[in-house]
Amino acid sequence: MSRNRKPLTLGEKLRVIEEAEKRNGATKASIARDLNIPVSSLKTILAKKDSILLNAAKFGLNRKAAKDGKYAAMEKALVECEAALPVDDEPEFGSLELPGSFADYVGADDDVAVCSEVSLDDIIETVRPDTAGTSDEEEMDDAAEASVYLDTLVQKDGSPLAWLVALCFELQRAQLLAKYRTPGERHN
């Protein structure tokens, strides 16, 4: 099983270099043990001492990887461009005058065509075939048959559309029951 590897920040590497320089006569193994790092890491840090010092000065002490971004030149140009911009708190805009008058702006939506509100009865009349010759009992029987059919459809399909259609028919059925129910009768 491999041991856990933790990358050291440039600040931690500088601390390791300082500790190794202070303890000039000690072995690398004892220094590594005291600093709680592998001996190989200590040897690598000491071998790359010059580049670590350079990178610490360039990137700061809290950085773990001493790399520029993928587009370092573009990032540098962006920072320079932002530094050259004026430091005003308010952004600069062009003319903020509206074209036309305020009345034109407010009345812009006056000529828009708007759909009328459609009730559930209007939808049912549009979708349902002409039932002028049917009696109220036949209408109730049709609603009951449709309800049974929709219950089986919803159980088989389970899609949102099936649920919506079932809900519409249940509303229609409830309206029919309410229409023909006597005042003392309970709804089942």
N, C-alpha and C. Protein backbone atom coordinates (compact mmCIF):
# COMPACT_ATOMS: atom_id res chain seq x y z
N MET A 1 0.85 -1.17 0.00
CA MET A 1 0.00 0.00 0.00
C MET A 1 0.89 1.23 0.00
N SER A 2 0.54 2.20 -0.82
CA SER A 2 1.36 3.41 -0.90
C SER A 2 1.00 4.36 0.24
N ARG A 3 1.95 5.16 0.61
CA ARG A 3 1.68 6.11 1.68
C ARG A 3 1.06 7.38 1.09
N ASN A 4 0.40 8.12 1.95
CA ASN A 4 -0.23 9.35 1.49
C ASN A 4 0.83 10.38 1.16
N ARG A 5 0.64 11.08 0.06
CA ARG A 5 1.58 12.11 -0.35
C ARG A 5 0.90 13.46 -0.20
N LYS A 6 1.59 14.37 0.43
CA LYS A 6 1.05 15.71 0.62
C LYS A 6 2.04 16.70 0.03
N PRO A 7 1.63 17.47 -0.96
CA PRO A 7 2.57 18.45 -1.53
C PRO A 7 2.84 19.57 -0.52
N LEU A 8 4.08 19.98 -0.45
CA LEU A 8 4.48 21.05 0.47
C LEU A 8 4.37 22.39 -0.24
N THR A 9 3.98 23.40 0.51
CA THR A 9 3.96 24.75 -0.06
C THR A 9 5.39 25.27 -0.14
N LEU A 10 5.58 26.34 -0.88
CA LEU A 10 6.91 26.92 -0.99
C LEU A 10 7.40 27.42 0.37
N GLY A 11 6.50 27.90 1.21
CA GLY A 11 6.87 28.33 2.56
C GLY A 11 7.38 27.18 3.40
N GLU A 12 6.72 26.02 3.30
CA GLU A 12 7.17 24.84 4.05
C GLU A 12 8.52 24.36 3.53
N LYS A 13 8.73 24.44 2.23
CA LYS A 13 10.02 24.05 1.67
C LYS A 13 11.12 25.00 2.13
N LEU A 14 10.83 26.29 2.23
CA LEU A 14 11.81 27.24 2.74
C LEU A 14 12.15 26.94 4.19
N ARG A 15 11.16 26.57 4.98
CA ARG A 15 11.40 26.21 6.38
C ARG A 15 12.29 24.98 6.47
N VAL A 16 12.08 24.00 5.57
CA VAL A 16 12.93 22.80 5.54
C VAL A 16 14.36 23.19 5.19
N ILE A 17 14.54 24.07 4.22
CA ILE A 17 15.89 24.50 3.82
C ILE A 17 16.58 25.22 4.98
N GLU A 18 15.86 26.12 5.67
CA GLU A 18 16.44 26.84 6.81
C GLU A 18 16.84 25.88 7.93
N GLU A 19 15.97 24.91 8.20
CA GLU A 19 16.27 23.94 9.27
C GLU A 19 17.49 23.10 8.91
N ALA A 20 17.60 22.71 7.64
CA ALA A 20 18.76 21.91 7.21
C ALA A 20 20.04 22.73 7.29
N GLU A 21 19.98 24.03 7.00
CA GLU A 21 21.17 24.88 7.08
C GLU A 21 21.57 25.13 8.52
N LYS A 22 20.59 25.22 9.44
CA LYS A 22 20.90 25.41 10.86
C LYS A 22 21.62 24.19 11.42
N ARG A 23 21.14 23.03 11.05
CA ARG A 23 21.69 21.76 11.58
C ARG A 23 22.69 21.20 10.58
N ASN A 24 23.75 21.89 10.39
CA ASN A 24 24.73 21.56 9.37
C ASN A 24 25.38 20.20 9.59
N GLY A 25 25.65 19.81 10.82
CA GLY A 25 26.35 18.56 11.08
C GLY A 25 25.42 17.35 11.18
N ALA A 26 24.12 17.54 11.26
CA ALA A 26 23.18 16.42 11.45
C ALA A 26 22.98 15.67 10.13
N THR A 27 22.57 14.43 10.26
CA THR A 27 22.31 13.63 9.06
C THR A 27 20.97 14.04 8.45
N LYS A 28 20.84 13.76 7.17
CA LYS A 28 19.59 14.09 6.48
C LYS A 28 18.43 13.27 7.03
N ALA A 29 18.70 12.04 7.44
CA ALA A 29 17.65 11.18 7.99
C ALA A 29 17.10 11.76 9.29
N SER A 30 17.96 12.28 10.16
CA SER A 30 17.48 12.85 11.43
C SER A 30 16.71 14.15 11.19
N ILE A 31 17.18 14.95 10.25
CA ILE A 31 16.46 16.19 9.92
C ILE A 31 15.08 15.86 9.36
N ALA A 32 15.01 14.90 8.44
CA ALA A 32 13.74 14.50 7.84
C ALA A 32 12.79 13.94 8.89
N ARG A 33 13.32 13.15 9.84
CA ARG A 33 12.49 12.58 10.90
C ARG A 33 11.93 13.70 11.79
N ASP A 34 12.77 14.69 12.13
CA ASP A 34 12.32 15.80 12.97
C ASP A 34 11.26 16.67 12.27
N LEU A 35 11.40 16.80 10.96
CA LEU A 35 10.45 17.62 10.19
C LEU A 35 9.23 16.83 9.72
N ASN A 36 9.24 15.52 9.97
CA ASN A 36 8.14 14.63 9.61
C ASN A 36 7.90 14.60 8.10
N ILE A 37 8.99 14.48 7.35
CA ILE A 37 8.91 14.33 5.89
C ILE A 37 9.81 13.18 5.49
N PRO A 38 9.58 12.57 4.34
CA PRO A 38 10.46 11.49 3.87
C PRO A 38 11.87 12.03 3.55
N VAL A 39 12.85 11.17 3.68
CA VAL A 39 14.24 11.54 3.40
C VAL A 39 14.39 11.92 1.92
N SER A 40 13.70 11.20 1.05
CA SER A 40 13.79 11.51 -0.38
C SER A 40 13.27 12.92 -0.68
N SER A 41 12.23 13.34 0.03
CA SER A 41 11.71 14.70 -0.16
C SER A 41 12.72 15.73 0.31
N LEU A 42 13.38 15.45 1.43
CA LEU A 42 14.40 16.37 1.93
C LEU A 42 15.54 16.50 0.93
N LYS A 43 15.98 15.37 0.37
CA LYS A 43 17.07 15.40 -0.61
C LYS A 43 16.66 16.18 -1.86
N THR A 44 15.43 15.99 -2.31
CA THR A 44 14.94 16.71 -3.49
C THR A 44 14.87 18.21 -3.22
N ILE A 45 14.38 18.58 -2.05
CA ILE A 45 14.26 20.00 -1.69
C ILE A 45 15.64 20.64 -1.64
N LEU A 46 16.60 19.96 -1.03
CA LEU A 46 17.94 20.53 -0.93
C LEU A 46 18.62 20.59 -2.30
N ALA A 47 18.33 19.64 -3.18
CA ALA A 47 18.93 19.66 -4.51
C ALA A 47 18.35 20.80 -5.36
N LYS A 48 17.10 21.15 -5.13
CA LYS A 48 16.44 22.20 -5.92
C LYS A 48 16.30 23.50 -5.12
N LYS A 49 17.22 23.74 -4.23
CA LYS A 49 17.17 24.88 -3.33
C LYS A 49 17.09 26.21 -4.09
N ASP A 50 17.90 26.37 -5.13
CA ASP A 50 17.93 27.64 -5.87
C ASP A 50 16.59 27.94 -6.55
N SER A 51 16.01 26.93 -7.21
CA SER A 51 14.73 27.17 -7.89
C SER A 51 13.61 27.40 -6.87
N ILE A 52 13.68 26.78 -5.71
CA ILE A 52 12.66 26.99 -4.67
C ILE A 52 12.73 28.42 -4.16
N LEU A 53 13.93 28.94 -3.94
CA LEU A 53 14.08 30.32 -3.47
C LEU A 53 13.57 31.30 -4.53
N LEU A 54 13.88 31.03 -5.79
CA LEU A 54 13.43 31.89 -6.88
C LEU A 54 11.90 31.88 -7.00
N ASN A 55 11.31 30.68 -6.96
CA ASN A 55 9.85 30.55 -7.07
C ASN A 55 9.12 31.16 -5.87
N ALA A 56 9.72 31.05 -4.68
CA ALA A 56 9.10 31.65 -3.49
C ALA A 56 9.06 33.16 -3.63
N ALA A 57 10.12 33.74 -4.20
CA ALA A 57 10.13 35.19 -4.41
C ALA A 57 9.13 35.59 -5.50
N LYS A 58 8.97 34.74 -6.51
CA LYS A 58 8.11 35.06 -7.64
C LYS A 58 6.62 34.85 -7.33
N PHE A 59 6.27 33.71 -6.70
CA PHE A 59 4.87 33.33 -6.52
C PHE A 59 4.32 33.53 -5.11
N GLY A 60 5.16 33.67 -4.11
CA GLY A 60 4.69 33.77 -2.74
C GLY A 60 4.87 32.45 -2.01
N LEU A 61 4.64 32.47 -0.70
CA LEU A 61 4.94 31.30 0.13
C LEU A 61 3.82 30.28 0.20
N ASN A 62 2.60 30.65 -0.08
CA ASN A 62 1.48 29.73 0.08
C ASN A 62 1.18 28.89 -1.15
N ARG A 63 1.94 29.06 -2.18
CA ARG A 63 1.71 28.34 -3.44
C ARG A 63 2.31 26.95 -3.35
N LYS A 64 1.57 25.93 -3.85
CA LYS A 64 2.10 24.57 -3.85
C LYS A 64 2.77 24.23 -5.16
N ALA A 65 2.27 24.75 -6.27
CA ALA A 65 2.86 24.48 -7.57
C ALA A 65 3.44 25.78 -8.11
N ALA A 66 4.66 25.72 -8.56
CA ALA A 66 5.34 26.91 -9.08
C ALA A 66 5.18 26.96 -10.60
N LYS A 67 3.96 27.13 -11.04
CA LYS A 67 3.67 27.18 -12.47
C LYS A 67 2.83 28.40 -12.76
N ASP A 68 3.02 28.94 -13.94
CA ASP A 68 2.12 29.98 -14.42
C ASP A 68 0.88 29.29 -14.97
N GLY A 69 -0.14 30.06 -15.23
CA GLY A 69 -1.35 29.50 -15.82
C GLY A 69 -1.10 29.09 -17.26
N LYS A 70 -2.10 28.50 -17.86
CA LYS A 70 -1.97 28.03 -19.24
C LYS A 70 -1.73 29.19 -20.19
N TYR A 71 -2.34 30.32 -19.91
CA TYR A 71 -2.20 31.50 -20.75
C TYR A 71 -1.57 32.62 -19.92
N ALA A 72 -0.36 32.42 -19.48
CA ALA A 72 0.31 33.36 -18.59
C ALA A 72 0.49 34.73 -19.23
N ALA A 73 0.86 34.77 -20.51
CA ALA A 73 1.08 36.05 -21.18
C ALA A 73 -0.23 36.84 -21.27
N MET A 74 -1.33 36.14 -21.55
CA MET A 74 -2.61 36.81 -21.63
C MET A 74 -3.05 37.32 -20.25
N GLU A 75 -2.82 36.54 -19.20
CA GLU A 75 -3.16 36.97 -17.86
C GLU A 75 -2.36 38.21 -17.47
N LYS A 76 -1.08 38.22 -17.83
CA LYS A 76 -0.23 39.36 -17.52
C LYS A 76 -0.72 40.61 -18.25
N ALA A 77 -1.08 40.45 -19.53
CA ALA A 77 -1.59 41.58 -20.30
C ALA A 77 -2.91 42.09 -19.73
N LEU A 78 -3.76 41.19 -19.25
CA LEU A 78 -5.03 41.58 -18.66
C LEU A 78 -4.81 42.38 -17.38
N VAL A 79 -3.88 41.93 -16.55
CA VAL A 79 -3.58 42.65 -15.31
C VAL A 79 -3.04 44.04 -15.63
N GLU A 80 -2.17 44.14 -16.63
CA GLU A 80 -1.63 45.44 -17.02
C GLU A 80 -2.73 46.34 -17.57
N CYS A 81 -3.64 45.78 -18.34
CA CYS A 81 -4.75 46.56 -18.91
C CYS A 81 -5.67 47.08 -17.81
N GLU A 82 -5.98 46.24 -16.83
CA GLU A 82 -6.84 46.66 -15.73
C GLU A 82 -6.16 47.73 -14.88
N ALA A 83 -4.84 47.63 -14.74
CA ALA A 83 -4.11 48.64 -13.97
C ALA A 83 -4.12 49.98 -14.69
N ALA A 84 -4.18 49.98 -16.01
CA ALA A 84 -4.17 51.21 -16.79
C ALA A 84 -5.53 51.89 -16.84
N LEU A 85 -6.60 51.20 -16.49
CA LEU A 85 -7.94 51.78 -16.54
C LEU A 85 -8.12 52.83 -15.45
N PRO A 86 -9.01 53.80 -15.66
CA PRO A 86 -9.26 54.79 -14.60
C PRO A 86 -9.86 54.12 -13.38
N VAL A 87 -9.61 54.70 -12.23
CA VAL A 87 -9.99 54.08 -10.96
C VAL A 87 -11.31 54.63 -10.43
N ASP A 88 -12.10 55.26 -11.25
CA ASP A 88 -13.38 55.81 -10.81
C ASP A 88 -14.26 54.70 -10.24
N ASP A 89 -15.09 55.08 -9.29
CA ASP A 89 -16.04 54.12 -8.74
C ASP A 89 -17.20 53.89 -9.68
N GLU A 90 -17.50 54.87 -10.51
CA GLU A 90 -18.63 54.76 -11.42
C GLU A 90 -18.14 54.39 -12.82
N PRO A 91 -18.79 53.44 -13.44
CA PRO A 91 -18.40 53.10 -14.82
C PRO A 91 -18.80 54.23 -15.76
N GLU A 92 -18.08 54.30 -16.86
CA GLU A 92 -18.38 55.33 -17.85
C GLU A 92 -19.37 54.77 -18.86
N PHE A 93 -20.44 55.52 -19.08
CA PHE A 93 -21.44 55.12 -20.05
C PHE A 93 -21.57 56.21 -21.10
N GLY A 94 -22.14 55.84 -22.20
CA GLY A 94 -22.45 56.84 -23.21
C GLY A 94 -23.71 57.57 -22.82
N SER A 95 -24.38 58.12 -23.77
CA SER A 95 -25.61 58.85 -23.51
C SER A 95 -26.69 57.88 -23.03
N LEU A 96 -27.34 58.23 -21.94
CA LEU A 96 -28.38 57.37 -21.39
C LEU A 96 -29.78 57.87 -21.72
N GLU A 97 -29.90 58.71 -22.71
CA GLU A 97 -31.21 59.23 -23.08
C GLU A 97 -31.98 58.17 -23.87
N LEU A 98 -33.26 58.08 -23.57
CA LEU A 98 -34.12 57.13 -24.26
C LEU A 98 -34.52 57.69 -25.62
N PRO A 99 -34.61 56.85 -26.63
CA PRO A 99 -35.11 57.34 -27.91
C PRO A 99 -36.62 57.54 -27.80
N GLY A 100 -37.11 58.69 -28.19
CA GLY A 100 -38.54 58.96 -28.11
C GLY A 100 -38.91 59.52 -26.76
N SER A 101 -40.21 59.68 -26.55
CA SER A 101 -40.68 60.27 -25.30
C SER A 101 -41.02 59.18 -24.29
N PHE A 102 -41.27 59.62 -23.07
CA PHE A 102 -41.63 58.69 -22.01
C PHE A 102 -42.99 58.04 -22.30
N ALA A 103 -43.90 58.78 -22.88
CA ALA A 103 -45.22 58.25 -23.23
C ALA A 103 -45.10 57.13 -24.26
N ASP A 104 -44.17 57.29 -25.21
CA ASP A 104 -43.95 56.21 -26.19
C ASP A 104 -43.41 54.96 -25.51
N TYR A 105 -42.53 55.17 -24.53
CA TYR A 105 -41.94 54.05 -23.81
C TYR A 105 -43.00 53.30 -23.01
N VAL A 106 -43.85 54.04 -22.31
CA VAL A 106 -44.89 53.43 -21.47
C VAL A 106 -45.94 52.74 -22.33
N GLY A 107 -46.31 53.33 -23.46
CA GLY A 107 -47.37 52.78 -24.29
C GLY A 107 -46.90 51.79 -25.33
N ALA A 108 -45.69 51.29 -25.23
CA ALA A 108 -45.15 50.40 -26.25
C ALA A 108 -45.93 49.10 -26.36
N ASP A 109 -46.49 48.61 -25.26
CA ASP A 109 -47.19 47.33 -25.28
C ASP A 109 -48.69 47.48 -25.53
N ASP A 110 -49.17 48.66 -25.81
CA ASP A 110 -50.61 48.87 -26.00
C ASP A 110 -51.16 48.15 -27.22
N ASP A 111 -50.37 47.99 -28.27
CA ASP A 111 -50.85 47.40 -29.51
C ASP A 111 -50.61 45.89 -29.59
N VAL A 112 -50.11 45.29 -28.53
CA VAL A 112 -49.82 43.86 -28.55
C VAL A 112 -51.11 43.07 -28.42
N ALA A 113 -51.28 42.06 -29.27
CA ALA A 113 -52.48 41.21 -29.22
C ALA A 113 -52.36 40.28 -28.03
N VAL A 114 -53.44 40.16 -27.27
CA VAL A 114 -53.45 39.33 -26.07
C VAL A 114 -54.51 38.25 -26.25
N CYS A 115 -54.18 37.02 -25.87
CA CYS A 115 -55.14 35.93 -25.95
C CYS A 115 -56.17 36.09 -24.84
N SER A 116 -57.39 35.68 -25.12
CA SER A 116 -58.43 35.78 -24.10
C SER A 116 -58.31 34.60 -23.14
N GLU A 117 -58.93 34.75 -21.99
CA GLU A 117 -58.90 33.70 -20.99
C GLU A 117 -59.91 32.62 -21.39
N VAL A 118 -59.51 31.38 -21.30
CA VAL A 118 -60.36 30.27 -21.70
C VAL A 118 -60.71 29.47 -20.45
N SER A 119 -61.98 29.21 -20.25
CA SER A 119 -62.41 28.46 -19.08
C SER A 119 -62.34 26.96 -19.37
N LEU A 120 -62.47 26.16 -18.32
CA LEU A 120 -62.44 24.71 -18.46
C LEU A 120 -63.62 24.24 -19.31
N ASP A 121 -64.78 24.87 -19.15
CA ASP A 121 -65.95 24.50 -19.95
C ASP A 121 -65.70 24.74 -21.44
N ASP A 122 -65.03 25.85 -21.77
CA ASP A 122 -64.71 26.13 -23.17
C ASP A 122 -63.78 25.07 -23.75
N ILE A 123 -62.81 24.64 -22.96
CA ILE A 123 -61.87 23.61 -23.42
C ILE A 123 -62.60 22.30 -23.64
N ILE A 124 -63.48 21.94 -22.70
CA ILE A 124 -64.22 20.69 -22.82
C ILE A 124 -65.12 20.73 -24.05
N GLU A 125 -65.78 21.84 -24.29
CA GLU A 125 -66.65 21.97 -25.47
C GLU A 125 -65.85 21.86 -26.76
N THR A 126 -64.64 22.37 -26.77
CA THR A 126 -63.81 22.31 -27.97
C THR A 126 -63.33 20.89 -28.24
N VAL A 127 -62.95 20.18 -27.21
CA VAL A 127 -62.37 18.84 -27.36
C VAL A 127 -63.43 17.77 -27.53
N ARG A 128 -64.52 17.91 -26.82
CA ARG A 128 -65.56 16.89 -26.78
C ARG A 128 -66.44 16.95 -28.03
N PRO A 129 -66.89 15.80 -28.53
CA PRO A 129 -67.81 15.81 -29.67
C PRO A 129 -69.17 16.37 -29.25
N ASP A 130 -69.96 16.75 -30.21
CA ASP A 130 -71.26 17.35 -29.95
C ASP A 130 -72.16 16.35 -29.23
N THR A 131 -72.67 16.74 -28.06
CA THR A 131 -73.51 15.85 -27.26
C THR A 131 -74.90 16.46 -27.05
N ALA A 132 -75.41 17.12 -28.06
CA ALA A 132 -76.71 17.78 -27.92
C ALA A 132 -77.84 16.79 -27.72
N GLY A 133 -77.76 15.58 -28.31
CA GLY A 133 -78.85 14.63 -28.22
C GLY A 133 -78.74 13.67 -27.05
N THR A 134 -77.75 13.78 -26.20
CA THR A 134 -77.58 12.83 -25.10
C THR A 134 -78.25 13.35 -23.85
N SER A 135 -78.65 12.42 -23.01
CA SER A 135 -79.30 12.80 -21.76
C SER A 135 -78.24 12.96 -20.67
N ASP A 136 -78.69 13.45 -19.52
CA ASP A 136 -77.77 13.66 -18.40
C ASP A 136 -77.23 12.34 -17.88
N GLU A 137 -78.06 11.29 -17.86
CA GLU A 137 -77.60 9.98 -17.38
C GLU A 137 -76.54 9.41 -18.31
N GLU A 138 -76.74 9.56 -19.62
CA GLU A 138 -75.73 9.09 -20.57
C GLU A 138 -74.42 9.86 -20.38
N GLU A 139 -74.53 11.14 -20.10
CA GLU A 139 -73.35 11.97 -19.88
C GLU A 139 -72.60 11.48 -18.64
N MET A 140 -73.33 11.14 -17.57
CA MET A 140 -72.72 10.63 -16.35
C MET A 140 -72.06 9.29 -16.60
N ASP A 141 -72.72 8.41 -17.38
CA ASP A 141 -72.14 7.10 -17.70
C ASP A 141 -70.86 7.27 -18.51
N ASP A 142 -70.87 8.19 -19.49
CA ASP A 142 -69.67 8.44 -20.28
C ASP A 142 -68.52 8.92 -19.40
N ALA A 143 -68.83 9.78 -18.45
CA ALA A 143 -67.80 10.30 -17.55
C ALA A 143 -67.23 9.19 -16.68
N ALA A 144 -68.10 8.27 -16.21
CA ALA A 144 -67.63 7.16 -15.39
C ALA A 144 -66.74 6.23 -16.20
N GLU A 145 -67.14 5.93 -17.45
CA GLU A 145 -66.31 5.08 -18.31
C GLU A 145 -64.96 5.73 -18.59
N ALA A 146 -64.96 7.02 -18.85
CA ALA A 146 -63.71 7.73 -19.11
C ALA A 146 -62.82 7.71 -17.88
N SER A 147 -63.42 7.81 -16.71
CA SER A 147 -62.64 7.79 -15.47
C SER A 147 -61.95 6.45 -15.28
N VAL A 148 -62.68 5.35 -15.54
CA VAL A 148 -62.09 4.01 -15.42
C VAL A 148 -60.97 3.83 -16.43
N TYR A 149 -61.20 4.27 -17.67
CA TYR A 149 -60.18 4.17 -18.71
C TYR A 149 -58.93 4.95 -18.31
N LEU A 150 -59.12 6.16 -17.79
CA LEU A 150 -57.96 6.99 -17.43
C LEU A 150 -57.21 6.42 -16.24
N ASP A 151 -57.92 5.82 -15.29
CA ASP A 151 -57.24 5.20 -14.16
C ASP A 151 -56.30 4.10 -14.65
N THR A 152 -56.76 3.27 -15.58
CA THR A 152 -55.89 2.20 -16.10
C THR A 152 -54.75 2.78 -16.93
N LEU A 153 -55.01 3.85 -17.68
CA LEU A 153 -53.96 4.49 -18.47
C LEU A 153 -52.86 5.05 -17.58
N VAL A 154 -53.25 5.72 -16.51
CA VAL A 154 -52.27 6.31 -15.60
C VAL A 154 -51.46 5.23 -14.91
N GLN A 155 -52.13 4.13 -14.53
CA GLN A 155 -51.41 3.04 -13.87
C GLN A 155 -50.41 2.40 -14.81
N LYS A 156 -50.75 2.25 -16.08
CA LYS A 156 -49.83 1.64 -17.05
C LYS A 156 -48.74 2.60 -17.48
N ASP A 157 -49.12 3.83 -17.82
CA ASP A 157 -48.18 4.78 -18.42
C ASP A 157 -47.39 5.54 -17.35
N GLY A 158 -48.08 6.22 -16.48
CA GLY A 158 -47.43 6.98 -15.42
C GLY A 158 -46.76 8.25 -15.88
N SER A 159 -46.98 8.66 -17.13
CA SER A 159 -46.32 9.87 -17.63
C SER A 159 -47.05 11.11 -17.13
N PRO A 160 -46.37 12.25 -17.12
CA PRO A 160 -47.03 13.49 -16.69
C PRO A 160 -48.23 13.86 -17.55
N LEU A 161 -48.17 13.55 -18.85
CA LEU A 161 -49.30 13.86 -19.72
C LEU A 161 -50.53 13.03 -19.33
N ALA A 162 -50.32 11.75 -19.01
CA ALA A 162 -51.43 10.90 -18.59
C ALA A 162 -52.03 11.42 -17.29
N TRP A 163 -51.18 11.88 -16.38
CA TRP A 163 -51.69 12.43 -15.13
C TRP A 163 -52.50 13.70 -15.39
N LEU A 164 -52.05 14.53 -16.31
CA LEU A 164 -52.76 15.76 -16.61
C LEU A 164 -54.12 15.48 -17.24
N VAL A 165 -54.16 14.55 -18.18
CA VAL A 165 -55.43 14.19 -18.82
C VAL A 165 -56.37 13.60 -17.77
N ALA A 166 -55.86 12.76 -16.90
CA ALA A 166 -56.69 12.16 -15.85
C ALA A 166 -57.23 13.24 -14.92
N LEU A 167 -56.41 14.21 -14.61
CA LEU A 167 -56.85 15.28 -13.74
C LEU A 167 -57.97 16.09 -14.39
N CYS A 168 -57.84 16.37 -15.68
CA CYS A 168 -58.89 17.12 -16.39
C CYS A 168 -60.20 16.36 -16.38
N PHE A 169 -60.14 15.05 -16.65
CA PHE A 169 -61.37 14.27 -16.65
C PHE A 169 -61.97 14.15 -15.26
N GLU A 170 -61.12 14.06 -14.24
CA GLU A 170 -61.64 14.00 -12.87
C GLU A 170 -62.32 15.32 -12.50
N LEU A 171 -61.78 16.42 -12.97
CA LEU A 171 -62.43 17.71 -12.73
C LEU A 171 -63.80 17.77 -13.42
N GLN A 172 -63.83 17.27 -14.65
CA GLN A 172 -65.09 17.25 -15.39
C GLN A 172 -66.10 16.37 -14.67
N ARG A 173 -65.66 15.22 -14.21
CA ARG A 173 -66.55 14.29 -13.50
C ARG A 173 -67.08 14.92 -12.22
N ALA A 174 -66.19 15.60 -11.49
CA ALA A 174 -66.61 16.25 -10.25
C ALA A 174 -67.62 17.35 -10.52
N GLN A 175 -67.43 18.08 -11.62
CA GLN A 175 -68.38 19.13 -11.98
C GLN A 175 -69.74 18.53 -12.33
N LEU A 176 -69.73 17.42 -13.06
CA LEU A 176 -71.00 16.78 -13.41
C LEU A 176 -71.71 16.25 -12.17
N LEU A 177 -70.94 15.64 -11.26
CA LEU A 177 -71.55 15.14 -10.03
C LEU A 177 -72.13 16.28 -9.21
N ALA A 178 -71.39 17.38 -9.14
CA ALA A 178 -71.88 18.52 -8.37
C ALA A 178 -73.12 19.13 -9.02
N LYS A 179 -73.18 19.07 -10.32
CA LYS A 179 -74.31 19.65 -11.06
C LYS A 179 -75.60 18.87 -10.80
N TYR A 180 -75.49 17.52 -10.72
CA TYR A 180 -76.69 16.68 -10.60
C TYR A 180 -76.90 16.13 -9.21
N ARG A 181 -76.13 16.54 -8.25
CA ARG A 181 -76.26 16.04 -6.89
C ARG A 181 -77.34 16.83 -6.16
N THR A 182 -78.09 16.13 -5.34
CA THR A 182 -79.07 16.83 -4.51
C THR A 182 -78.35 17.42 -3.32
N PRO A 183 -78.88 18.45 -2.67
CA PRO A 183 -78.17 19.14 -1.59
C PRO A 183 -77.76 18.23 -0.44
N GLY A 184 -78.51 17.22 -0.05
CA GLY A 184 -78.16 16.36 1.09
C GLY A 184 -77.27 15.19 0.72
N GLU A 185 -77.03 14.94 -0.56
CA GLU A 185 -76.28 13.78 -1.02
C GLU A 185 -74.78 14.00 -0.83
N ARG A 186 -74.05 12.93 -0.44
CA ARG A 186 -72.60 13.02 -0.26
C ARG A 186 -71.90 12.51 -1.51
N HIS A 187 -70.71 13.06 -1.74
CA HIS A 187 -69.89 12.65 -2.89
C HIS A 187 -69.04 11.44 -2.50
N ASN A 188 -69.02 10.39 -3.34
CA ASN A 188 -68.23 9.19 -3.05
C ASN A 188 -66.86 9.29 -3.65
